Amino acid sequence: EPLRTAHLSVFTCFYLR
C-alpha cells in the first residue's frame, strides 16, 4: 500500500531526525 509506505517514510524521517 502506497499510503502505508508514505506513512512509514515520514515516521522514519522523524525518527532519524
N, C-alpha and C. Protein backbone atom coordinates (compact mmCIF):
# COMPACT_ATOMS: atom_id res chain seq x y z
N GLU A 1 0.84 -1.21 0.00
CA GLU A 1 0.00 0.00 0.00
C GLU A 1 0.87 1.26 0.00
N PRO A 2 0.69 2.15 -0.96
CA PRO A 2 1.49 3.38 -1.08
C PRO A 2 1.29 4.28 0.14
N LEU A 3 0.06 4.34 0.63
CA LEU A 3 -0.22 5.21 1.79
C LEU A 3 0.57 4.73 3.00
N ARG A 4 0.57 3.42 3.19
CA ARG A 4 1.29 2.86 4.33
C ARG A 4 2.79 3.15 4.20
N THR A 5 3.31 3.00 3.00
CA THR A 5 4.74 3.25 2.77
C THR A 5 5.07 4.72 3.05
N ALA A 6 4.19 5.60 2.60
CA ALA A 6 4.42 7.03 2.82
C ALA A 6 4.44 7.32 4.31
N HIS A 7 3.49 6.73 5.03
CA HIS A 7 3.43 6.94 6.47
C HIS A 7 4.71 6.44 7.13
N LEU A 8 5.16 5.30 6.70
CA LEU A 8 6.40 4.73 7.26
C LEU A 8 7.58 5.62 6.95
N SER A 9 7.60 6.15 5.75
CA SER A 9 8.71 7.01 5.34
C SER A 9 8.77 8.25 6.23
N VAL A 10 7.61 8.85 6.47
CA VAL A 10 7.55 10.05 7.31
C VAL A 10 7.99 9.70 8.73
N PHE A 11 7.49 8.59 9.23
CA PHE A 11 7.83 8.18 10.60
C PHE A 11 9.34 7.96 10.71
N THR A 12 9.90 7.30 9.71
CA THR A 12 11.35 7.03 9.72
C THR A 12 12.13 8.34 9.68
N CYS A 13 11.68 9.26 8.85
CA CYS A 13 12.36 10.55 8.74
C CYS A 13 12.36 11.25 10.09
N PHE A 14 11.21 11.24 10.74
CA PHE A 14 11.11 11.89 12.05
C PHE A 14 11.98 11.17 13.06
N TYR A 15 11.96 9.85 13.00
CA TYR A 15 12.72 9.06 13.96
C TYR A 15 14.23 9.29 13.78
N LEU A 16 14.66 9.35 12.53
CA LEU A 16 16.08 9.55 12.25
C LEU A 16 16.49 10.99 12.56
N ARG A 17 15.51 11.86 12.61
CA ARG A 17 15.79 13.25 12.90
C ARG A 17 16.18 13.36 14.36
